[in-house]
PDB file of N, CA and C in Angstrom:
ATOM      1  N   MET A   1      40.317 -21.688 -44.893  1.00  0.00           N
ATOM      2  CA  MET A   1      39.952 -21.876 -43.317  1.00  0.00           C
ATOM      3  C   MET A   1      40.358 -20.808 -42.471  1.00  0.00           C
ATOM      4  N   LEU A   2      41.718 -20.151 -42.773  1.00  0.00           N
ATOM      5  CA  LEU A   2      41.867 -19.169 -41.981  1.00  0.00           C
ATOM      6  C   LEU A   2      41.342 -17.790 -42.216  1.00  0.00           C
ATOM      7  N   ALA A   3      41.243 -17.854 -43.477  1.00  0.00           N
ATOM      8  CA  ALA A   3      40.714 -16.741 -44.331  1.00  0.00           C
ATOM      9  C   ALA A   3      38.929 -16.390 -43.674  1.00  0.00           C
ATOM     10  N   ALA A   4      38.431 -17.367 -43.268  1.00  0.00           N
ATOM     11  CA  ALA A   4      36.726 -17.686 -42.899  1.00  0.00           C
ATOM     12  C   ALA A   4      36.952 -16.912 -41.712  1.00  0.00           C
ATOM     13  N   LEU A   5      38.187 -17.917 -40.893  1.00  0.00           N
ATOM     14  CA  LEU A   5      38.279 -17.415 -39.344  1.00  0.00           C
ATOM     15  C   LEU A   5      38.250 -16.247 -38.970  1.00  0.00           C
ATOM     16  N   THR A   6      39.176 -15.417 -39.937  1.00  0.00           N
ATOM     17  CA  THR A   6      40.074 -13.838 -39.948  1.00  0.00           C
ATOM     18  C   THR A   6      38.675 -13.121 -40.001  1.00  0.00           C
ATOM     19  N   ALA A   7      37.884 -13.359 -40.844  1.00  0.00           N
ATOM     20  CA  ALA A   7      36.554 -12.608 -41.604  1.00  0.00           C
ATOM     21  C   ALA A   7      35.445 -12.589 -40.277  1.00  0.00           C
ATOM     22  N   VAL A   8      35.540 -13.881 -39.534  1.00  0.00           N
ATOM     23  CA  VAL A   8      34.272 -14.359 -38.264  1.00  0.00           C
ATOM     24  C   VAL A   8      35.028 -12.832 -37.271  1.00  0.00           C
ATOM     25  N   LEU A   9      36.329 -13.075 -37.348  1.00  0.00           N
ATOM     26  CA  LEU A   9      36.776 -12.464 -35.676  1.00  0.00           C
ATOM     27  C   LEU A   9      36.612 -10.637 -36.048  1.00  0.00           C
ATOM     28  N   VAL A  10      36.999 -10.217 -37.509  1.00  0.00           N
ATOM     29  CA  VAL A  10      37.087  -8.973 -37.892  1.00  0.00           C
ATOM     30  C   VAL A  10      35.387  -8.155 -38.124  1.00  0.00           C
ATOM     31  N   LEU A  11      34.893  -9.328 -38.609  1.00  0.00           N
ATOM     32  CA  LEU A  11      33.607  -8.620 -38.257  1.00  0.00           C
ATOM     33  C   LEU A  11      32.683  -7.795 -37.202  1.00  0.00           C
ATOM     34  N   PRO A  12      32.226  -6.674 -37.641  1.00  0.00           N
ATOM     35  CA  PRO A  12      31.511  -6.040 -36.504  1.00  0.00           C
ATOM     36  C   PRO A  12      30.478  -6.759 -35.956  1.00  0.00           C
ATOM     37  N   THR A  13      30.347  -6.960 -34.632  1.00  0.00           N
ATOM     38  CA  THR A  13      29.019  -7.532 -34.370  1.00  0.00           C
ATOM     39  C   THR A  13      27.547  -6.296 -33.831  1.00  0.00           C
ATOM     40  N   SER A  14      26.881  -6.749 -33.435  1.00  0.00           N
ATOM     41  CA  SER A  14      25.722  -5.999 -33.517  1.00  0.00           C
ATOM     42  C   SER A  14      25.915  -5.545 -31.942  1.00  0.00           C
ATOM     43  N   SER A  15      25.892  -4.481 -31.663  1.00  0.00           N
ATOM     44  CA  SER A  15      26.417  -3.077 -30.464  1.00  0.00           C
ATOM     45  C   SER A  15      25.167  -3.656 -29.679  1.00  0.00           C
ATOM     46  N   GLY A  16      24.006  -3.889 -30.208  1.00  0.00           N
ATOM     47  CA  GLY A  16      22.742  -3.717 -29.546  1.00  0.00           C
ATOM     48  C   GLY A  16      22.415  -5.162 -29.004  1.00  0.00           C
ATOM     49  N   SER A  17      21.831  -5.533 -27.836  1.00  0.00           N
ATOM     50  CA  SER A  17      21.559  -6.999 -27.723  1.00  0.00           C
ATOM     51  C   SER A  17      20.067  -7.216 -28.362  1.00  0.00           C
ATOM     52  N   ALA A  18      19.487  -8.606 -28.004  1.00  0.00           N
ATOM     53  CA  ALA A  18      18.317  -9.067 -28.706  1.00  0.00           C
ATOM     54  C   ALA A  18      17.413  -8.012 -27.818  1.00  0.00           C
ATOM     55  N   PRO A  19      16.123  -7.967 -28.286  1.00  0.00           N
ATOM     56  CA  PRO A  19      15.216  -6.944 -27.454  1.00  0.00           C
ATOM     57  C   PRO A  19      14.799  -7.723 -26.278  1.00  0.00           C
ATOM     58  N   ALA A  20      14.459  -7.032 -25.361  1.00  0.00           N
ATOM     59  CA  ALA A  20      14.264  -7.628 -23.943  1.00  0.00           C
ATOM     60  C   ALA A  20      12.565  -8.455 -24.140  1.00  0.00           C
ATOM     61  N   LYS A  21      12.386  -9.393 -23.771  1.00  0.00           N
ATOM     62  CA  LYS A  21      11.012  -9.994 -24.397  1.00  0.00           C
ATOM     63  C   LYS A  21       9.923  -9.005 -22.916  1.00  0.00           C
ATOM     64  N   PRO A  22       8.760  -9.261 -23.139  1.00  0.00           N
ATOM     65  CA  PRO A  22       7.797  -8.579 -22.458  1.00  0.00           C
ATOM     66  C   PRO A  22       7.891  -9.426 -21.299  1.00  0.00           C
ATOM     67  N   TRP A  23       7.558  -8.592 -19.756  1.00  0.00           N
ATOM     68  CA  TRP A  23       7.136  -9.619 -18.986  1.00  0.00           C
ATOM     69  C   TRP A  23       6.204 -10.421 -18.804  1.00  0.00           C
ATOM     70  N   LEU A  24       6.035 -11.929 -18.224  1.00  0.00           N
ATOM     71  CA  LEU A  24       5.462 -12.423 -18.413  1.00  0.00           C
ATOM     72  C   LEU A  24       5.071 -13.205 -19.560  1.00  0.00           C
ATOM     73  N   TRP A  25       6.055 -12.978 -20.835  1.00  0.00           N
ATOM     74  CA  TRP A  25       5.873 -13.475 -22.137  1.00  0.00           C
ATOM     75  C   TRP A  25       5.571 -14.976 -22.056  1.00  0.00           C
ATOM     76  N   GLN A  26       5.893 -15.532 -21.397  1.00  0.00           N
ATOM     77  CA  GLN A  26       5.814 -17.089 -21.677  1.00  0.00           C
ATOM     78  C   GLN A  26       4.341 -17.301 -21.376  1.00  0.00           C
ATOM     79  N   CYS A  27       4.070 -16.842 -20.382  1.00  0.00           N
ATOM     80  CA  CYS A  27       2.096 -17.134 -20.429  1.00  0.00           C
ATOM     81  C   CYS A  27       1.583 -16.537 -21.647  1.00  0.00           C
ATOM     82  N   THR A  28       1.837 -15.419 -22.182  1.00  0.00           N
ATOM     83  CA  THR A  28       0.976 -14.608 -23.308  1.00  0.00           C
ATOM     84  C   THR A  28       1.151 -15.621 -24.405  1.00  0.00           C
ATOM     85  N   GLN A  29       2.297 -16.934 -24.735  1.00  0.00           N
ATOM     86  CA  GLN A  29       2.078 -17.551 -25.767  1.00  0.00           C
ATOM     87  C   GLN A  29       1.242 -18.736 -25.520  1.00  0.00           C
ATOM     88  N   ILE A  30       0.679 -18.842 -24.186  1.00  0.00           N
ATOM     89  CA  ILE A  30      -0.270 -20.204 -24.079  1.00  0.00           C
ATOM     90  C   ILE A  30      -1.401 -19.550 -24.683  1.00  0.00           C
ATOM     91  N   HIS A  31      -2.143 -20.323 -25.392  1.00  0.00           N
ATOM     92  CA  HIS A  31      -3.780 -20.089 -25.777  1.00  0.00           C
ATOM     93  C   HIS A  31      -4.649 -20.887 -25.384  1.00  0.00           C
ATOM     94  N   ASN A  32      -4.265 -21.792 -24.305  1.00  0.00           N
ATOM     95  CA  ASN A  32      -5.575 -22.811 -23.369  1.00  0.00           C
ATOM     96  C   ASN A  32      -5.577 -21.904 -22.121  1.00  0.00           C
ATOM     97  N   ALA A  33      -6.562 -21.517 -21.799  1.00  0.00           N
ATOM     98  CA  ALA A  33      -6.849 -20.437 -20.619  1.00  0.00           C
ATOM     99  C   ALA A  33      -6.479 -20.995 -19.704  1.00  0.00           C
ATOM    100  N   GLU A  34      -6.750 -22.691 -19.459  1.00  0.00           N
ATOM    101  CA  GLU A  34      -6.538 -23.009 -17.994  1.00  0.00           C
ATOM    102  C   GLU A  34      -4.954 -23.364 -17.885  1.00  0.00           C
ATOM    103  N   ALA A  35      -4.356 -23.426 -18.820  1.00  0.00           N
ATOM    104  CA  ALA A  35      -3.145 -23.393 -18.543  1.00  0.00           C
ATOM    105  C   ALA A  35      -2.007 -21.741 -18.489  1.00  0.00           C
ATOM    106  N   GLN A  36      -2.943 -21.348 -19.324  1.00  0.00           N
ATOM    107  CA  GLN A  36      -2.105 -19.679 -19.312  1.00  0.00           C
ATOM    108  C   GLN A  36      -2.314 -19.362 -18.114  1.00  0.00           C
ATOM    109  N   TYR A  37      -3.644 -19.278 -17.132  1.00  0.00           N
ATOM    110  CA  TYR A  37      -3.939 -19.134 -15.844  1.00  0.00           C
ATOM    111  C   TYR A  37      -2.651 -19.781 -15.015  1.00  0.00           C
ATOM    112  N   HIS A  38      -3.047 -21.256 -14.994  1.00  0.00           N
ATOM    113  CA  HIS A  38      -1.839 -21.603 -14.207  1.00  0.00           C
ATOM    114  C   HIS A  38      -0.001 -21.413 -14.433  1.00  0.00           C
ATOM    115  N   CYS A  39       0.198 -20.934 -15.198  1.00  0.00           N
ATOM    116  CA  CYS A  39       1.293 -20.191 -16.032  1.00  0.00           C
ATOM    117  C   CYS A  39       1.442 -19.188 -15.360  1.00  0.00           C
ATOM    118  N   TYR A  40       0.363 -18.270 -15.381  1.00  0.00           N
ATOM    119  CA  TYR A  40       0.509 -16.859 -14.582  1.00  0.00           C
ATOM    120  C   TYR A  40       0.500 -16.492 -13.075  1.00  0.00           C
ATOM    121  N   VAL A  41      -0.154 -17.993 -12.476  1.00  0.00           N
ATOM    122  CA  VAL A  41       0.068 -18.109 -11.077  1.00  0.00           C
ATOM    123  C   VAL A  41       1.359 -18.359 -10.612  1.00  0.00           C
ATOM    124  N   ARG A  42       1.951 -19.310 -11.451  1.00  0.00           N
ATOM    125  CA  ARG A  42       3.219 -20.068 -10.941  1.00  0.00           C
ATOM    126  C   ARG A  42       4.535 -18.885 -11.214  1.00  0.00           C
ATOM    127  N   LEU A  43       4.348 -17.747 -12.155  1.00  0.00           N
ATOM    128  CA  LEU A  43       5.402 -16.545 -12.743  1.00  0.00           C
ATOM    129  C   LEU A  43       5.250 -15.656 -11.321  1.00  0.00           C
ATOM    130  N   LEU A  44       3.948 -15.489 -11.015  1.00  0.00           N
ATOM    131  CA  LEU A  44       3.523 -13.901 -10.447  1.00  0.00           C
ATOM    132  C   LEU A  44       3.825 -14.382  -8.910  1.00  0.00           C
ATOM    133  N   ARG A  45       3.791 -15.851  -8.706  1.00  0.00           N
ATOM    134  CA  ARG A  45       4.380 -16.128  -6.647  1.00  0.00           C
ATOM    135  C   ARG A  45       5.843 -16.291  -6.722  1.00  0.00           C
ATOM    136  N   LEU A  46       6.602 -16.765  -8.079  1.00  0.00           N
ATOM    137  CA  LEU A  46       7.998 -16.519  -8.375  1.00  0.00           C
ATOM    138  C   LEU A  46       8.668 -15.638  -7.995  1.00  0.00           C
ATOM    139  N   ASP A  47       8.180 -14.316  -8.626  1.00  0.00           N
ATOM    140  CA  ASP A  47       8.287 -13.057  -8.449  1.00  0.00           C
ATOM    141  C   ASP A  47       7.980 -12.937  -7.021  1.00  0.00           C
ATOM    142  N   ILE A  48       6.989 -13.033  -6.203  1.00  0.00           N
ATOM    143  CA  ILE A  48       6.851 -12.602  -4.968  1.00  0.00           C
ATOM    144  C   ILE A  48       7.620 -13.499  -4.010  1.00  0.00           C
ATOM    145  N   GLU A  49       8.348 -14.585  -4.288  1.00  0.00           N
ATOM    146  CA  GLU A  49       9.029 -15.213  -3.729  1.00  0.00           C
ATOM    147  C   GLU A  49      10.528 -14.873  -3.479  1.00  0.00           C
ATOM    148  N   THR A  50      10.670 -14.216  -5.148  1.00  0.00           N
ATOM    149  CA  THR A  50      12.147 -13.999  -5.035  1.00  0.00           C
ATOM    150  C   THR A  50      12.051 -12.661  -4.242  1.00  0.00           C
ATOM    151  N   SER A  51      11.066 -11.753  -4.313  1.00  0.00           N
ATOM    152  CA  SER A  51      11.384 -10.533  -4.117  1.00  0.00           C
ATOM    153  C   SER A  51      11.730 -10.629  -2.440  1.00  0.00           C
ATOM    154  N   ARG A  52      11.025 -11.573  -1.656  1.00  0.00           N
ATOM    155  CA  ARG A  52      11.042 -12.118  -0.327  1.00  0.00           C
ATOM    156  C   ARG A  52      10.408 -10.425   0.581  1.00  0.00           C
ATOM    157  N   ASP A  53       9.770 -10.049  -0.285  1.00  0.00           N
ATOM    158  CA  ASP A  53       8.881  -9.067   0.520  1.00  0.00           C
ATOM    159  C   ASP A  53       7.603  -8.694  -0.120  1.00  0.00           C
ATOM    160  N   PRO A  54       6.619  -9.500  -0.336  1.00  0.00           N
ATOM    161  CA  PRO A  54       5.387  -9.354  -0.752  1.00  0.00           C
ATOM    162  C   PRO A  54       4.515  -7.794  -0.550  1.00  0.00           C
ATOM    163  N   ALA A  55       4.835  -7.454   0.743  1.00  0.00           N
ATOM    164  CA  ALA A  55       4.018  -6.034   1.234  1.00  0.00           C
ATOM    165  C   ALA A  55       4.596  -4.874  -0.114  1.00  0.00           C
ATOM    166  N   SER A  56       5.965  -5.306  -0.349  1.00  0.00           N
ATOM    167  CA  SER A  56       6.487  -4.208  -1.233  1.00  0.00           C
ATOM    168  C   SER A  56       6.611  -4.945  -2.700  1.00  0.00           C
ATOM    169  N   GLU A  57       6.545  -5.789  -3.009  1.00  0.00           N
ATOM    170  CA  GLU A  57       6.488  -6.303  -4.239  1.00  0.00           C
ATOM    171  C   GLU A  57       5.244  -6.193  -5.017  1.00  0.00           C
ATOM    172  N   LEU A  58       3.896  -6.317  -4.261  1.00  0.00           N
ATOM    173  CA  LEU A  58       2.546  -6.566  -4.881  1.00  0.00           C
ATOM    174  C   LEU A  58       2.319  -4.917  -5.676  1.00  0.00           C
ATOM    175  N   PRO A  59       2.870  -3.880  -4.939  1.00  0.00           N
ATOM    176  CA  PRO A  59       2.640  -2.328  -5.729  1.00  0.00           C
ATOM    177  C   PRO A  59       3.568  -2.246  -7.063  1.00  0.00           C
ATOM    178  N   ARG A  60       4.517  -3.008  -6.987  1.00  0.00           N
ATOM    179  CA  ARG A  60       5.452  -2.985  -8.330  1.00  0.00           C
ATOM    180  C   ARG A  60       4.712  -3.810  -9.320  1.00  0.00           C
ATOM    181  N   ILE A  61       4.084  -5.128  -8.948  1.00  0.00           N
ATOM    182  CA  ILE A  61       3.205  -5.826  -9.697  1.00  0.00           C
ATOM    183  C   ILE A  61       2.334  -5.059 -10.149  1.00  0.00           C
ATOM    184  N   ASP A  62       1.467  -4.566  -9.676  1.00  0.00           N
ATOM    185  CA  ASP A  62       0.465  -3.455 -10.004  1.00  0.00           C
ATOM    186  C   ASP A  62       0.673  -2.600 -11.113  1.00  0.00           C
ATOM    187  N   ARG A  63       2.205  -1.999 -10.570  1.00  0.00           N
ATOM    188  CA  ARG A  63       2.506  -1.256 -12.122  1.00  0.00           C
ATOM    189  C   ARG A  63       2.772  -1.640 -13.266  1.00  0.00           C
ATOM    190  N   ARG A  64       3.393  -2.955 -12.947  1.00  0.00           N
ATOM    191  CA  ARG A  64       3.734  -4.010 -14.505  1.00  0.00           C
ATOM    192  C   ARG A  64       2.607  -4.174 -15.079  1.00  0.00           C
ATOM    193  N   VAL A  65       1.443  -4.915 -14.142  1.00  0.00           N
ATOM    194  CA  VAL A  65       0.330  -5.400 -14.948  1.00  0.00           C
ATOM    195  C   VAL A  65      -0.149  -4.282 -15.881  1.00  0.00           C
ATOM    196  N   ALA A  66      -0.393  -3.092 -15.117  1.00  0.00           N
ATOM    197  CA  ALA A  66      -0.591  -2.046 -15.951  1.00  0.00           C
ATOM    198  C   ALA A  66      -0.126  -1.263 -17.201  1.00  0.00           C
ATOM    199  N   ALA A  67       1.064  -1.962 -17.035  1.00  0.00           N
ATOM    200  CA  ALA A  67       2.068  -1.358 -17.906  1.00  0.00           C
ATOM    201  C   ALA A  67       1.811  -2.626 -19.363  1.00  0.00           C
ATOM    202  N   ALA A  68       1.668  -3.678 -18.693  1.00  0.00           N
ATOM    203  CA  ALA A  68       1.716  -4.854 -19.719  1.00  0.00           C
ATOM    204  C   ALA A  68       0.341  -5.431 -20.474  1.00  0.00           C
ATOM    205  N   GLY A  69      -0.843  -4.858 -19.639  1.00  0.00           N
ATOM    206  CA  GLY A  69      -2.515  -4.968 -19.966  1.00  0.00           C
ATOM    207  C   GLY A  69      -2.702  -6.160 -20.426  1.00  0.00           C
ATOM    208  N   GLY A  70      -3.399  -6.153 -21.137  1.00  0.00           N
ATOM    209  CA  GLY A  70      -3.967  -7.813 -21.505  1.00  0.00           C
ATOM    210  C   GLY A  70      -4.585  -8.619 -20.582  1.00  0.00           C
ATOM    211  N   PRO A  71      -4.469 -10.078 -20.828  1.00  0.00           N
ATOM    212  CA  PRO A  71      -5.359 -10.828 -20.007  1.00  0.00           C
ATOM    213  C   PRO A  71      -4.674 -10.723 -18.418  1.00  0.00           C
ATOM    214  N   VAL A  72      -3.509 -10.460 -18.275  1.00  0.00           N
ATOM    215  CA  VAL A  72      -2.810 -10.438 -16.898  1.00  0.00           C
ATOM    216  C   VAL A  72      -3.671  -9.410 -16.354  1.00  0.00           C
ATOM    217  N   GLU A  73      -3.620  -8.449 -16.770  1.00  0.00           N
ATOM    218  CA  GLU A  73      -4.444  -6.973 -16.185  1.00  0.00           C
ATOM    219  C   GLU A  73      -5.689  -7.240 -15.743  1.00  0.00           C
ATOM    220  N   ALA A  74      -6.308  -7.774 -16.850  1.00  0.00           N
ATOM    221  CA  ALA A  74      -7.653  -7.903 -16.648  1.00  0.00           C
ATOM    222  C   ALA A  74      -8.150  -8.977 -15.583  1.00  0.00           C
ATOM    223  N   GLY A  75      -7.161  -9.866 -15.443  1.00  0.00           N
ATOM    224  CA  GLY A  75      -7.565 -10.948 -14.380  1.00  0.00           C
ATOM    225  C   GLY A  75      -6.649 -11.310 -12.943  1.00  0.00           C
ATOM    226  N   CYS A  76      -5.663 -10.228 -13.078  1.00  0.00           N
ATOM    227  CA  CYS A  76      -4.468 -10.056 -12.211  1.00  0.00           C
ATOM    228  C   CYS A  76      -5.440 -10.518 -10.542  1.00  0.00           C
ATOM    229  N   HIS A  77      -6.383  -9.770 -10.432  1.00  0.00           N
ATOM    230  CA  HIS A  77      -7.006  -9.895  -8.881  1.00  0.00           C
ATOM    231  C   HIS A  77      -7.530 -11.388  -8.576  1.00  0.00           C
ATOM    232  N   VAL A  78      -8.325 -12.336  -9.828  1.00  0.00           N
ATOM    233  CA  VAL A  78      -8.371 -13.373  -9.221  1.00  0.00           C
ATOM    234  C   VAL A  78      -7.300 -13.681  -9.202  1.00  0.00           C
ATOM    235  N   LEU A  79      -5.902 -14.173 -10.272  1.00  0.00           N
ATOM    236  CA  LEU A  79      -5.061 -14.900 -10.226  1.00  0.00           C
ATOM    237  C   LEU A  79      -4.043 -14.775  -8.784  1.00  0.00           C
ATOM    238  N   MET A  80      -4.355 -13.337  -8.611  1.00  0.00           N
ATOM    239  CA  MET A  80      -3.801 -13.092  -6.792  1.00  0.00           C
ATOM    240  C   MET A  80      -4.441 -13.895  -5.815  1.00  0.00           C
ATOM    241  N   HIS A  81      -5.707 -14.029  -5.823  1.00  0.00           N
ATOM    242  CA  HIS A  81      -6.339 -14.866  -4.887  1.00  0.00           C
ATOM    243  C   HIS A  81      -5.651 -16.281  -5.026  1.00  0.00           C
ATOM    244  N   GLU A  82      -5.589 -16.624  -5.864  1.00  0.00           N
ATOM    245  CA  GLU A  82      -4.781 -18.260  -5.717  1.00  0.00           C
ATOM    246  C   GLU A  82      -3.180 -18.096  -5.535  1.00  0.00           C
ATOM    247  N   VAL A  83      -2.483 -17.014  -5.512  1.00  0.00           N
ATOM    248  CA  VAL A  83      -1.319 -16.556  -4.946  1.00  0.00           C
ATOM    249  C   VAL A  83      -0.945 -16.676  -3.725  1.00  0.00           C
ATOM    250  N   GLY A  84      -2.237 -15.647  -3.599  1.00  0.00           N
ATOM    251  CA  GLY A  84      -2.085 -15.430  -2.207  1.00  0.00           C
ATOM    252  C   GLY A  84      -2.521 -16.612  -1.002  1.00  0.00           C
ATOM    253  N   ARG A  85      -3.474 -17.476  -1.474  1.00  0.00           N
ATOM    254  CA  ARG A  85      -3.693 -18.519  -0.899  1.00  0.00           C
ATOM    255  C   ARG A  85      -2.663 -19.477  -0.577  1.00  0.00           C
ATOM    256  N   GLU A  86      -1.658 -19.841  -1.998  1.00  0.00           N
ATOM    257  CA  GLU A  86      -1.085 -20.726  -1.926  1.00  0.00           C
ATOM    258  C   GLU A  86       0.473 -20.402  -0.895  1.00  0.00           C
ATOM    259  N   PHE A  87       0.511 -19.034  -1.160  1.00  0.00           N
ATOM    260  CA  PHE A  87       1.750 -18.032  -0.335  1.00  0.00           C
ATOM    261  C   PHE A  87       1.428 -18.315   1.113  1.00  0.00           C
ATOM    262  N   ALA A  88       0.253 -17.981   1.542  1.00  0.00           N
ATOM    263  CA  ALA A  88      -0.188 -17.980   3.027  1.00  0.00           C
ATOM    264  C   ALA A  88      -0.411 -19.341   3.328  1.00  0.00           C
ATOM    265  N   ARG A  89      -0.701 -20.902   2.768  1.00  0.00           N
ATOM    266  CA  ARG A  89      -0.448 -22.068   2.868  1.00  0.00           C
ATOM    267  C   ARG A  89       0.943 -22.448   3.020  1.00  0.00           C
ATOM    268  N   ASP A  90       2.234 -22.462   2.285  1.00  0.00           N
ATOM    269  CA  ASP A  90       3.312 -22.818   2.340  1.00  0.00           C
ATOM    270  C   ASP A  90       4.031 -21.917   3.254  1.00  0.00           C
ATOM    271  N   ARG A  91       3.283 -20.495   3.688  1.00  0.00           N
ATOM    272  CA  ARG A  91       4.252 -19.811   4.465  1.00  0.00           C
ATOM    273  C   ARG A  91       3.775 -19.896   5.999  1.00  0.00           C
ATOM    274  N   HIS A  92       2.700 -20.785   6.448  1.00  0.00           N
ATOM    275  CA  HIS A  92       1.980 -20.576   7.646  1.00  0.00           C
ATOM    276  C   HIS A  92       1.395 -19.601   8.176  1.00  0.00           C
ATOM    277  N   VAL A  93       1.026 -18.465   7.190  1.00  0.00           N
ATOM    278  CA  VAL A  93       0.622 -17.235   7.787  1.00  0.00           C
ATOM    279  C   VAL A  93      -0.654 -17.450   8.184  1.00  0.00           C
ATOM    280  N   THR A  94      -0.461 -16.491   9.580  1.00  0.00           N
ATOM    281  CA  THR A  94      -1.751 -16.596  10.718  1.00  0.00           C
ATOM    282  C   THR A  94      -2.068 -14.972  10.796  1.00  0.00           C
ATOM    283  N   LEU A  95      -3.369 -14.967  11.694  1.00  0.00           N
ATOM    284  CA  LEU A  95      -3.546 -13.931  12.033  1.00  0.00           C
ATOM    285  C   LEU A  95      -2.412 -12.924  12.838  1.00  0.00           C
ATOM    286  N   ALA A  96      -1.519 -13.288  13.344  1.00  0.00           N
ATOM    287  CA  ALA A  96      -0.621 -12.858  14.371  1.00  0.00           C
ATOM    288  C   ALA A  96       0.420 -12.410  13.090  1.00  0.00           C
ATOM    289  N   THR A  97       0.904 -13.143  12.102  1.00  0.00           N
ATOM    290  CA  THR A  97       1.911 -12.868  11.253  1.00  0.00           C
ATOM    291  C   THR A  97       1.470 -11.617   9.912  1.00  0.00           C
ATOM    292  N   LEU A  98       0.250 -11.880   9.484  1.00  0.00           N
ATOM    293  CA  LEU A  98      -0.730 -11.526   8.442  1.00  0.00           C
ATOM    294  C   LEU A  98      -0.353 -10.112   8.019  1.00  0.00           C
ATOM    295  N   GLN A  99      -0.056  -9.382   8.813  1.00  0.00           N
ATOM    296  CA  GLN A  99       0.523  -7.869   8.817  1.00  0.00           C
ATOM    297  C   GLN A  99       1.642  -7.714   7.796  1.00  0.00           C
ATOM    298  N   ARG A 100       2.599  -8.328   7.753  1.00  0.00           N
ATOM    299  CA  ARG A 100       3.740  -8.363   7.683  1.00  0.00           C
ATOM    300  C   ARG A 100       3.597  -8.419   5.950  1.00  0.00           C
ATOM    301  N   TYR A 101       2.710  -9.267   5.382  1.00  0.00           N
ATOM    302  CA  TYR A 101       2.517  -9.893   4.198  1.00  0.00           C
ATOM    303  C   TYR A 101       1.441  -9.016   3.307  1.00  0.00           C
ATOM    304  N   VAL A 102       0.702  -8.072   4.245  1.00  0.00           N
ATOM    305  CA  VAL A 102      -0.438  -7.359   3.211  1.00  0.00           C
ATOM    306  C   VAL A 102      -0.002  -6.332   2.337  1.00  0.00           C
ATOM    307  N   PRO A 103      -0.008  -6.299   1.062  1.00  0.00           N
ATOM    308  CA  PRO A 103       0.121  -4.964   0.045  1.00  0.00           C
ATOM    309  C   PRO A 103       0.597  -3.949   1.135  1.00  0.00           C
ATOM    310  N   ARG A 104       1.371  -3.189   0.460  1.00  0.00           N
ATOM    311  CA  ARG A 104       1.354  -1.759   0.883  1.00  0.00           C
ATOM    312  C   ARG A 104       0.767  -0.937  -0.091  1.00  0.00           C
ATOM    313  N   SER A 105      -0.235  -1.287  -0.470  1.00  0.00           N
ATOM    314  CA  SER A 105      -1.020  -0.434  -1.677  1.00  0.00           C
ATOM    315  C   SER A 105      -2.487  -0.786  -1.434  1.00  0.00           C
ATOM    316  N   ASN A 106      -3.399   0.424  -1.993  1.00  0.00           N
ATOM    317  CA  ASN A 106      -4.970   0.402  -2.392  1.00  0.00           C
ATOM    318  C   ASN A 106      -5.181  -0.072  -3.556  1.00  0.00           C
ATOM    319  N   ASN A 107      -4.131  -0.647  -4.510  1.00  0.00           N
ATOM    320  CA  ASN A 107      -4.763  -0.738  -5.777  1.00  0.00           C
ATOM    321  C   ASN A 107      -5.637  -2.298  -5.399  1.00  0.00           C
ATOM    322  N   PRO A 108      -6.925  -2.319  -6.049  1.00  0.00           N
ATOM    323  CA  PRO A 108      -7.561  -2.825  -6.127  1.00  0.00           C
ATOM    324  C   PRO A 108      -7.538  -4.355  -7.319  1.00  0.00           C
ATOM    325  N   ASN A 109      -6.667  -4.069  -7.976  1.00  0.00           N
ATOM    326  CA  ASN A 109      -6.030  -5.225  -8.779  1.00  0.00           C
ATOM    327  C   ASN A 109      -5.751  -6.189  -8.275  1.00  0.00           C
ATOM    328  N   CYS A 110      -4.308  -6.323  -8.525  1.00  0.00           N
ATOM    329  CA  CYS A 110      -3.511  -7.360  -8.164  1.00  0.00           C
ATOM    330  C   CYS A 110      -3.383  -7.394  -6.491  1.00  0.00           C
ATOM    331  N   SER A 111      -2.706  -6.395  -6.152  1.00  0.00           N
ATOM    332  CA  SER A 111      -2.847  -6.216  -4.414  1.00  0.00           C
ATOM    333  C   SER A 111      -3.743  -6.809  -3.416  1.00  0.00           C
ATOM    334  N   ALA A 112      -5.184  -6.301  -4.092  1.00  0.00           N
ATOM    335  CA  ALA A 112      -6.229  -6.542  -3.241  1.00  0.00           C
ATOM    336  C   ALA A 112      -6.533  -8.031  -3.369  1.00  0.00           C
ATOM    337  N   GLY A 113      -6.383  -8.443  -4.768  1.00  0.00           N
ATOM    338  CA  GLY A 113      -6.187  -9.918  -4.689  1.00  0.00           C
ATOM    339  C   GLY A 113      -5.662 -10.809  -3.683  1.00  0.00           C
ATOM    340  N   PHE A 114      -4.035 -10.370  -3.538  1.00  0.00           N
ATOM    341  CA  PHE A 114      -3.305 -11.058  -2.974  1.00  0.00           C
ATOM    342  C   PHE A 114      -4.050 -11.168  -1.653  1.00  0.00           C
ATOM    343  N   GLY A 115      -3.973  -9.812  -1.076  1.00  0.00           N
ATOM    344  CA  GLY A 115      -4.711  -9.744   0.360  1.00  0.00           C
ATOM    345  C   GLY A 115      -5.637 -10.308   0.726  1.00  0.00           C
ATOM    346  N   TRP A 116      -6.986 -10.633   0.014  1.00  0.00           N
ATOM    347  CA  TRP A 116      -7.883 -11.466   0.302  1.00  0.00           C
ATOM    348  C   TRP A 116      -7.422 -12.940   0.235  1.00  0.00           C
ATOM    349  N   GLY A 117      -6.534 -13.429  -0.667  1.00  0.00           N
ATOM    350  CA  GLY A 117      -6.149 -14.547  -0.972  1.00  0.00           C
ATOM    351  C   GLY A 117      -5.449 -15.276  -0.029  1.00  0.00           C
ATOM    352  N   SER A 118      -4.541 -14.143   0.987  1.00  0.00           N
ATOM    353  CA  SER A 118      -3.769 -14.938   2.126  1.00  0.00           C
ATOM    354  C   SER A 118      -4.660 -14.294   3.125  1.00  0.00           C
TER     355      SER A 118
END
């Protein structure tokens, strides 16, 4: 038993950690279109809420979506309509406060969808 414990303690461990999972990997694993849509909406909204600054976060999301490609890139504009509506509703966004949330980007994909949604 002592030999086994010593061997475990002495054996070199892997210096590299596990490879990082791709952004929004949880949603890419879902093969039901409606469930995948809701997953993307939930995680994108969480990303925006966590940032506490949608106007600055949306341009970053545009870049990450372009790098990720696939369904999230193809549907980000539409996804962000939903995210923007939910965000605006929950934050009680008004015409007077809208400017602080409008994305600082001219990107027609995610940023534009969020802007139209809110």
